[in-house]
Amino acid sequence: MSDTQARGTEQIEADIAATRARLAATVDELVDRTSPKNVAKRQVEQAKAQVFDERGELRTQKLVAVGAAVVGVVGVLLMIRKLVGRR
């Protein structure tokens, strides 16, 4: 007797139902993950994690570093503008 005949119709139907349920759960999870609202929510949470620590306090060292980088870039751009303007 083959494996299919030994299992029986009821077992095959139960396997199909279980597979269908797993597939439906996977599709639901993918829809949830790719929802624009949820994607935006995750991006906001990532941005907040960069600025706030686990206790909800500001990460001042990171903010100071970013601020210094911005000031440096602006300073370089102003110097370049001034040098180009002299010609």
Protein backbone atom coordinates (compact mmCIF):
# COMPACT_ATOMS: atom_id res chain seq x y z
CA MET A 1 0.00 0.00 0.00
CA SER A 2 1.30 3.47 -0.85
CA ASP A 3 1.72 6.29 1.66
CA THR A 4 -1.25 8.20 0.22
CA GLN A 5 -3.59 5.25 0.56
CA ALA A 6 -2.41 4.53 4.09
CA ARG A 7 -3.07 8.08 5.29
CA GLY A 8 -6.65 8.27 4.22
CA THR A 9 -8.84 11.03 2.95
CA GLU A 10 -9.52 12.57 6.36
CA GLN A 11 -5.80 12.90 7.16
CA ILE A 12 -5.08 14.46 3.76
CA GLU A 13 -7.93 16.95 4.24
CA ALA A 14 -6.62 17.79 7.72
CA ASP A 15 -3.13 18.37 6.28
CA ILE A 16 -4.56 20.64 3.58
CA ALA A 17 -6.55 22.59 6.17
CA ALA A 18 -3.46 23.02 8.37
CA THR A 19 -1.39 24.16 5.38
CA ARG A 20 -4.11 26.61 4.38
CA ALA A 21 -4.21 28.03 7.92
CA ARG A 22 -0.40 28.48 7.98
CA LEU A 23 -0.49 30.16 4.58
CA ALA A 24 -3.28 32.50 5.67
CA ALA A 25 -1.33 33.46 8.80
CA THR A 26 1.78 34.13 6.72
CA VAL A 27 -0.15 36.30 4.27
CA ASP A 28 -1.74 38.24 7.14
CA GLU A 29 1.69 38.82 8.67
CA LEU A 30 3.10 40.05 5.35
CA VAL A 31 0.16 42.41 4.87
CA ASP A 32 0.69 43.76 8.38
CA ARG A 33 4.44 44.23 7.85
CA THR A 34 4.05 46.04 4.55
CA SER A 35 1.19 48.30 5.59
CA PRO A 36 2.30 51.92 4.98
CA LYS A 37 1.01 52.90 8.42
CA ASN A 38 3.07 50.19 10.12
CA VAL A 39 6.16 50.95 8.03
CA ALA A 40 5.93 54.62 9.02
CA LYS A 41 5.42 53.65 12.66
CA ARG A 42 8.57 51.49 12.62
CA GLN A 43 10.57 54.31 11.02
CA VAL A 44 9.42 56.76 13.70
CA GLU A 45 10.36 54.26 16.41
CA GLN A 46 13.81 53.83 14.87
CA ALA A 47 14.31 57.58 14.73
CA LYS A 48 13.23 57.95 18.35
CA ALA A 49 15.62 55.18 19.37
CA GLN A 50 18.45 57.21 17.85
CA VAL A 51 17.53 60.27 19.93
CA PHE A 52 16.21 58.72 23.17
CA ASP A 53 17.67 55.93 25.29
CA GLU A 54 15.78 53.04 26.94
CA ARG A 55 14.67 55.25 29.84
CA GLY A 56 13.27 57.94 27.54
CA GLU A 57 16.09 60.37 28.18
CA LEU A 58 17.82 62.32 25.42
CA ARG A 59 21.05 60.89 24.08
CA THR A 60 22.92 64.18 24.47
CA GLN A 61 26.26 62.84 23.24
CA LYS A 62 24.71 61.75 19.96
CA LEU A 63 22.87 65.05 19.58
CA VAL A 64 26.04 67.02 20.24
CA ALA A 65 27.93 64.95 17.67
CA VAL A 66 25.23 65.48 15.05
CA GLY A 67 25.08 69.19 15.85
CA ALA A 68 28.85 69.51 15.55
CA ALA A 69 28.77 67.70 12.21
CA VAL A 70 26.08 70.05 10.91
CA VAL A 71 28.03 73.10 12.07
CA GLY A 72 31.15 71.70 10.41
CA VAL A 73 29.41 71.10 7.09
CA VAL A 74 27.83 74.55 7.14
CA GLY A 75 31.22 76.07 7.95
CA VAL A 76 32.91 74.27 5.06
CA LEU A 77 30.14 75.32 2.67
CA LEU A 78 30.46 78.94 3.79
CA MET A 79 34.24 78.83 3.29
CA ILE A 80 33.83 77.36 -0.18
CA ARG A 81 31.26 80.00 -1.05
CA LYS A 82 33.55 82.74 0.18
CA LEU A 83 36.53 81.37 -1.79
CA VAL A 84 34.50 80.95 -4.98
CA GLY A 85 33.08 84.46 -4.56
CA ARG A 86 36.61 86.01 -4.60
CA ARG A 87 37.33 84.90 -8.17
